[in-house]
């Protein structure tokens, strides 16, 4: 997409979520004025943008940019998503309106890659469960005999920034790594063996999900998908919770078809809005001895907090073609 003629310094953008304090100085360096309003209500954002003061907006998760909102802000020329996923942006509507989308998967891929290894090890070696037992004054060695990662076949679904970062960190464990991606040429053969999705599901002991949330991946992991995983012991999800049908996951754990799960994301992370069925599924996962759940912190490090800003600003500078 070519930059619009008026996108020359000073460019003005509205920042509607809390960001690392490096963002404003970085924007200033490229001739962009950032209006930092992290406490602005989501409902007020379209009205403020409609005033035509800003060419861009920086968002984390506060607002879903729908076609209706985009129609109200004709002067908007870019949306910068401070993170990897863009599932809170209607990208088709933005593209149709000539609005450029910037995101920053490079900013937190290392954080997600190493965290996913930690999440998996926590489950395989019973780290969280054993820690809780010791806190209660219990000491159970034999009951917590674990499984070595090097003895397993790990399947990675999605070999983009996050999947490849995870594969890099598996390299020292000696496990066989299989990878499926819509673009198999993207798979680094030094890190993983590219295979079809069917083959991955037949062979993998562990499957780790690293796909974006799209119409085609929403609830991709359902009962039928899990039933086709003939050797699967553990499902790992550090991507998006909505990729997994939680009720199907719970059913697989109840039946013993799946031994455990390591989850950094959930299908519904707003606990105050859980339906009775969702609440029941969550209680089961919370009390299962072989399930580890963390609150969507895979990409949440001090380094990635700043690095996301650096990636966004670097991409923005290229978009507005500053020297």
Protein backbone atom coordinates (compact mmCIF):
# COMPACT_ATOMS: atom_id res chain seq x y z
CA UNK A 1 0.00 0.00 0.00
CA UNK A 2 1.36 3.42 -0.92
CA UNK A 3 1.37 6.11 1.77
CA UNK A 4 -1.13 8.92 1.41
CA UNK A 5 0.33 12.28 0.37
CA UNK A 6 -0.51 14.00 3.66
CA UNK A 7 1.32 11.38 5.71
CA UNK A 8 4.35 13.55 6.26
CA UNK A 9 5.66 14.86 9.56
CA UNK A 10 4.05 15.64 11.85
CA UNK A 11 1.79 12.58 11.75
CA UNK A 12 -0.67 12.38 14.63
CA UNK A 13 -1.84 9.14 16.22
CA UNK A 14 -4.12 8.38 19.15
CA UNK A 15 -2.84 5.79 21.64
CA UNK A 16 -5.80 4.17 23.38
CA UNK A 17 -4.17 1.46 25.53
CA UNK A 18 -1.49 1.46 28.20
CA UNK A 19 1.93 1.17 26.58
CA UNK A 20 5.57 1.06 27.64
CA UNK A 21 6.82 4.59 28.21
CA UNK A 22 9.36 4.24 25.38
CA UNK A 23 6.61 4.67 22.77
CA UNK A 24 6.24 8.45 22.80
CA UNK A 25 9.98 9.22 22.44
CA UNK A 26 10.27 6.62 19.67
CA UNK A 27 7.35 8.20 17.80
CA UNK A 28 8.84 11.65 18.21
CA UNK A 29 12.08 10.43 16.62
CA UNK A 30 10.25 9.60 13.39
CA UNK A 31 8.19 12.77 13.30
CA UNK A 32 4.98 11.30 14.71
CA UNK A 33 3.03 12.95 17.52
CA UNK A 34 1.47 10.42 19.87
CA UNK A 35 -1.53 11.50 21.93
CA UNK A 36 -1.40 9.11 24.86
CA UNK A 37 -4.91 8.47 26.22
CA UNK A 38 -4.80 4.99 27.81
CA UNK A 39 -7.85 5.67 30.00
CA UNK A 40 -10.15 6.67 27.15
CA UNK A 41 -13.35 4.61 27.10
CA UNK A 42 -13.72 2.25 24.15
CA UNK A 43 -17.10 3.79 23.32
CA UNK A 44 -15.49 7.23 22.97
CA UNK A 45 -12.73 6.22 20.54
CA UNK A 46 -14.81 6.34 17.30
CA UNK A 47 -16.11 9.82 18.16
CA UNK A 48 -12.62 11.15 18.89
CA UNK A 49 -11.17 9.63 15.71
CA UNK A 50 -14.11 10.98 13.67
CA UNK A 51 -13.00 14.52 14.52
CA UNK A 52 -10.27 14.05 11.90
CA UNK A 53 -7.34 15.09 14.08
CA UNK A 54 -5.51 11.77 13.86
CA UNK A 55 -4.15 9.82 10.90
CA UNK A 56 -3.52 6.72 12.99
CA UNK A 57 -4.33 4.83 16.15
CA UNK A 58 -2.28 2.52 18.39
CA UNK A 59 -4.34 -0.18 20.07
CA UNK A 60 -3.68 -3.23 22.19
CA UNK A 61 -6.99 -4.91 23.04
CA UNK A 62 -9.39 -2.17 24.13
CA UNK A 63 -11.46 -2.00 20.97
CA UNK A 64 -12.59 -4.15 18.05
CA UNK A 65 -12.19 -2.12 14.89
CA UNK A 66 -15.33 -3.17 13.03
CA UNK A 67 -16.53 -2.06 9.61
CA UNK A 68 -19.03 0.26 11.33
CA UNK A 69 -16.30 2.03 13.27
CA UNK A 70 -14.03 2.28 10.25
CA UNK A 71 -16.84 3.93 8.26
CA UNK A 72 -16.97 6.69 10.89
CA UNK A 73 -13.28 7.62 10.62
CA UNK A 74 -12.53 8.42 6.95
CA UNK A 75 -9.25 10.19 7.70
CA UNK A 76 -7.74 7.18 9.47
CA UNK A 77 -4.78 5.81 7.51
CA UNK A 78 -3.14 3.28 9.82
CA UNK A 79 -3.89 1.08 12.82
CA UNK A 80 -0.92 -0.17 14.81
CA UNK A 81 -1.68 -3.23 16.94
CA UNK A 82 0.71 -3.46 19.89
CA UNK A 83 1.09 -7.22 19.81
CA UNK A 84 1.10 -10.17 17.45
CA UNK A 85 -2.55 -11.01 16.83
CA UNK A 86 -4.88 -8.86 14.77
CA UNK A 87 -8.13 -10.64 15.63
CA UNK A 88 -9.55 -7.40 17.10
CA UNK A 89 -9.24 -5.75 13.68
CA UNK A 90 -11.57 -6.27 10.73
CA UNK A 91 -8.68 -6.44 8.31
CA UNK A 92 -10.87 -6.79 5.22
CA UNK A 93 -12.81 -3.63 6.09
CA UNK A 94 -9.60 -1.77 6.92
CA UNK A 95 -8.02 -2.77 3.61
CA UNK A 96 -11.14 -1.74 1.70
CA UNK A 97 -10.97 1.66 3.38
CA UNK A 98 -7.29 2.05 2.53
CA UNK A 99 -6.18 1.75 6.16
CA UNK A 100 -2.76 0.17 6.68
CA UNK A 101 -2.43 -2.43 9.46
CA UNK A 102 0.78 -2.79 11.45
CA UNK A 103 1.39 -5.45 14.08
CA UNK A 104 4.46 -6.61 15.99
CA UNK A 105 4.85 -10.40 16.20
CA UNK A 106 8.62 -9.90 16.11
CA UNK A 107 8.34 -8.04 19.40
CA UNK A 108 7.20 -10.92 21.59
CA UNK A 109 8.05 -14.06 19.61
CA UNK A 110 11.06 -14.87 21.78
CA UNK A 111 9.01 -14.42 24.93
CA UNK A 112 6.30 -16.75 23.62
CA UNK A 113 8.82 -19.31 22.37
CA UNK A 114 10.58 -19.73 25.69
CA UNK A 115 7.37 -19.52 27.72
CA UNK A 116 5.78 -22.31 25.70
CA UNK A 117 8.73 -24.57 26.53
CA UNK A 118 8.29 -23.69 30.19
CA UNK A 119 4.56 -24.34 30.03
CA UNK A 120 5.16 -27.75 28.47
CA UNK A 121 7.86 -28.71 30.95
CA UNK A 122 5.65 -27.64 33.85
CA UNK A 123 3.08 -30.18 32.75
CA UNK A 124 5.41 -33.02 31.76
CA UNK A 125 7.40 -32.77 35.00
CA UNK A 126 4.44 -31.99 37.30
CA UNK A 127 6.14 -28.79 38.48
CA UNK A 128 3.01 -26.82 39.36
CA UNK A 129 1.28 -29.78 40.98
CA UNK A 130 4.34 -30.75 43.03
CA UNK A 131 4.85 -27.16 44.15
CA UNK A 132 1.25 -26.94 45.36
CA UNK A 133 1.67 -30.22 47.24
CA UNK A 134 4.79 -29.01 49.04
CA UNK A 135 3.00 -25.78 49.95
CA UNK A 136 0.38 -27.98 51.62
CA UNK A 137 3.09 -29.83 53.54
CA UNK A 138 3.03 -32.93 51.29
CA UNK A 139 6.10 -34.66 49.82
CA UNK A 140 5.31 -37.07 46.96
CA UNK A 141 8.26 -38.12 44.80
CA UNK A 142 7.01 -41.25 43.06
CA UNK A 143 3.59 -39.76 42.28
CA UNK A 144 5.37 -36.94 40.48
CA UNK A 145 7.68 -39.04 38.32
CA UNK A 146 7.70 -37.12 35.05
CA UNK A 147 8.18 -37.56 31.33
CA UNK A 148 11.31 -36.34 29.54
CA UNK A 149 10.71 -34.04 26.62
CA UNK A 150 13.56 -35.65 24.69
CA UNK A 151 11.62 -38.91 24.47
CA UNK A 152 8.65 -37.30 22.71
CA UNK A 153 7.58 -36.24 19.24
CA UNK A 154 6.41 -32.64 19.30
CA UNK A 155 4.09 -31.33 16.61
CA UNK A 156 3.92 -27.59 15.91
CA UNK A 157 0.80 -26.29 14.17
CA UNK A 158 1.69 -22.96 12.60
CA UNK A 159 5.34 -22.15 11.85
CA UNK A 160 5.27 -18.37 11.82
CA UNK A 161 7.07 -16.12 14.28
CA UNK A 162 5.82 -17.94 17.39
CA UNK A 163 6.01 -21.50 16.10
CA UNK A 164 9.53 -21.07 14.78
CA UNK A 165 10.67 -19.41 18.04
CA UNK A 166 9.29 -22.41 19.96
CA UNK A 167 11.08 -24.81 17.59
CA UNK A 168 14.38 -22.98 18.11
CA UNK A 169 14.12 -23.49 21.85
CA UNK A 170 13.28 -27.18 21.47
CA UNK A 171 16.50 -27.80 19.57
CA UNK A 172 18.52 -28.60 22.68
CA UNK A 173 16.10 -31.18 24.07
CA UNK A 174 16.68 -33.89 21.46
CA UNK A 175 13.01 -34.41 20.67
CA UNK A 176 11.70 -35.04 17.17
CA UNK A 177 9.90 -31.93 15.97
CA UNK A 178 7.22 -32.02 13.26
CA UNK A 179 5.69 -28.88 11.82
CA UNK A 180 2.60 -28.09 9.80
CA UNK A 181 2.03 -24.74 8.12
CA UNK A 182 -0.23 -23.56 5.31
CA UNK A 183 3.02 -22.57 3.60
CA UNK A 184 5.33 -25.57 4.12
CA UNK A 185 8.22 -23.74 2.48
CA UNK A 186 8.32 -21.54 5.59
CA UNK A 187 9.32 -24.47 7.80
CA UNK A 188 13.01 -24.34 8.70
CA UNK A 189 14.14 -27.92 8.09
CA UNK A 190 17.05 -27.46 10.48
CA UNK A 191 14.49 -27.05 13.27
CA UNK A 192 11.53 -29.20 12.23
CA UNK A 193 10.35 -31.76 9.71
CA UNK A 194 7.52 -30.34 7.55
CA UNK A 195 4.55 -32.71 7.41
CA UNK A 196 0.88 -32.66 6.54
CA UNK A 197 -1.60 -31.92 9.30
CA UNK A 198 -2.91 -35.49 9.13
CA UNK A 199 0.59 -36.91 9.58
CA UNK A 200 1.30 -34.58 12.47
CA UNK A 201 -1.87 -35.67 14.24
CA UNK A 202 -0.97 -39.34 13.71
CA UNK A 203 2.57 -39.10 15.04
CA UNK A 204 2.80 -36.33 17.65
CA UNK A 205 2.85 -37.02 21.40
CA UNK A 206 2.60 -33.29 22.06
CA UNK A 207 0.89 -30.73 19.85
CA UNK A 208 1.57 -27.04 20.32
CA UNK A 209 -0.68 -24.47 18.66
CA UNK A 210 0.79 -21.33 17.09
CA UNK A 211 -1.87 -20.18 14.63
CA UNK A 212 -3.64 -16.81 14.51
CA UNK A 213 -7.34 -16.58 15.28
CA UNK A 214 -9.24 -16.41 11.99
CA UNK A 215 -12.58 -17.68 10.73
CA UNK A 216 -10.86 -20.90 9.65
CA UNK A 217 -9.01 -21.51 12.94
CA UNK A 218 -11.81 -20.59 15.36
CA UNK A 219 -12.63 -23.81 17.27
CA UNK A 220 -10.39 -25.70 14.86
CA UNK A 221 -9.45 -28.05 17.69
CA UNK A 222 -12.79 -29.82 18.15
CA UNK A 223 -13.83 -33.35 19.10
CA UNK A 224 -13.20 -34.73 15.62
CA UNK A 225 -9.79 -33.07 15.38
CA UNK A 226 -8.72 -34.48 18.74
CA UNK A 227 -10.06 -37.95 17.89
CA UNK A 228 -7.70 -38.06 14.92
CA UNK A 229 -4.68 -37.52 17.21
CA UNK A 230 -3.79 -41.14 17.81
CA UNK A 231 -0.66 -40.67 19.97
CA UNK A 232 -1.43 -37.33 21.57
CA UNK A 233 -0.63 -37.02 25.27
CA UNK A 234 -0.62 -33.28 25.73
CA UNK A 235 -2.12 -30.26 23.96
CA UNK A 236 -0.32 -26.93 24.39
CA UNK A 237 -2.00 -23.65 23.51
CA UNK A 238 -0.17 -20.34 23.76
CA UNK A 239 -1.88 -18.86 20.69
CA UNK A 240 -5.54 -17.89 21.11
CA UNK A 241 -8.05 -19.60 23.36
CA UNK A 242 -10.81 -19.52 20.76
CA UNK A 243 -8.80 -21.88 18.55
CA UNK A 244 -9.79 -24.71 20.92
CA UNK A 245 -13.31 -25.92 21.62
CA UNK A 246 -13.06 -26.08 25.40
CA UNK A 247 -15.89 -28.56 25.82
CA UNK A 248 -14.17 -30.93 23.37
CA UNK A 249 -10.90 -30.55 25.27
CA UNK A 250 -12.61 -31.33 28.56
CA UNK A 251 -14.33 -34.38 27.04
CA UNK A 252 -10.98 -35.68 25.74
CA UNK A 253 -9.44 -35.28 29.20
CA UNK A 254 -12.40 -36.94 30.90
CA UNK A 255 -12.25 -39.94 28.59
CA UNK A 256 -8.52 -40.36 28.98
CA UNK A 257 -7.90 -39.83 25.27
CA UNK A 258 -5.81 -36.82 26.30
CA UNK A 259 -3.53 -37.08 29.33
CA UNK A 260 -3.00 -33.39 29.93
CA UNK A 261 -3.05 -29.84 28.63
CA UNK A 262 -0.89 -26.75 29.06
CA UNK A 263 -2.86 -23.57 28.38
CA UNK A 264 -1.82 -19.93 28.44
CA UNK A 265 -5.10 -18.87 26.84
CA UNK A 266 -8.75 -19.80 27.26
CA UNK A 267 -11.78 -19.63 25.01
CA UNK A 268 -13.35 -17.08 27.35
CA UNK A 269 -10.83 -15.20 29.48
CA UNK A 270 -13.38 -12.84 31.00
CA UNK A 271 -14.43 -14.91 33.99
CA UNK A 272 -17.26 -12.55 34.90
CA UNK A 273 -19.00 -13.41 31.59
CA UNK A 274 -18.73 -17.21 31.73
CA UNK A 275 -21.87 -19.16 30.93
CA UNK A 276 -22.76 -21.98 33.32
CA UNK A 277 -21.33 -24.52 30.87
CA UNK A 278 -18.11 -22.52 30.47
CA UNK A 279 -17.80 -22.17 34.23
CA UNK A 280 -18.18 -25.93 34.67
CA UNK A 281 -15.51 -26.61 32.04
CA UNK A 282 -13.16 -24.14 33.71
CA UNK A 283 -13.64 -25.76 37.13
CA UNK A 284 -12.77 -29.13 35.63
CA UNK A 285 -9.59 -27.75 34.03
CA UNK A 286 -8.63 -25.92 37.25
CA UNK A 287 -8.82 -29.11 39.29
CA UNK A 288 -7.34 -31.57 36.79
CA UNK A 289 -3.95 -32.78 38.07
CA UNK A 290 -2.39 -32.75 34.58
CA UNK A 291 -3.59 -29.35 33.40
CA UNK A 292 -1.53 -26.16 33.73
CA UNK A 293 -3.26 -22.82 33.10
CA UNK A 294 -1.67 -19.37 33.04
CA UNK A 295 -3.38 -15.99 32.40
CA UNK A 296 -2.25 -15.18 28.83
CA UNK A 297 1.27 -14.17 29.85
CA UNK A 298 3.31 -15.97 27.20
CA UNK A 299 4.37 -12.77 25.46
CA UNK A 300 4.37 -10.70 28.64
CA UNK A 301 7.98 -9.85 29.56
CA UNK A 302 9.81 -6.64 30.37
CA UNK A 303 11.87 -7.01 27.19
CA UNK A 304 8.91 -7.68 24.89
CA UNK A 305 6.99 -4.73 26.37
CA UNK A 306 9.58 -2.35 24.96
CA UNK A 307 10.47 -4.40 21.87
CA UNK A 308 6.88 -4.28 20.61
CA UNK A 309 7.13 -0.48 20.54
CA UNK A 310 10.38 -0.63 18.63
CA UNK A 311 8.90 -2.95 16.01
CA UNK A 312 5.75 -0.84 15.60
CA UNK A 313 7.66 2.41 15.20
CA UNK A 314 10.14 0.89 12.76
CA UNK A 315 7.29 -0.37 10.59
CA UNK A 316 5.42 2.92 10.88
CA UNK A 317 8.53 4.80 9.74
CA UNK A 318 8.69 2.62 6.63
CA UNK A 319 5.01 3.19 5.94
CA UNK A 320 5.21 6.95 6.01
CA UNK A 321 8.54 6.78 4.13
CA UNK A 322 10.59 8.92 6.42
CA UNK A 323 14.33 9.17 5.74
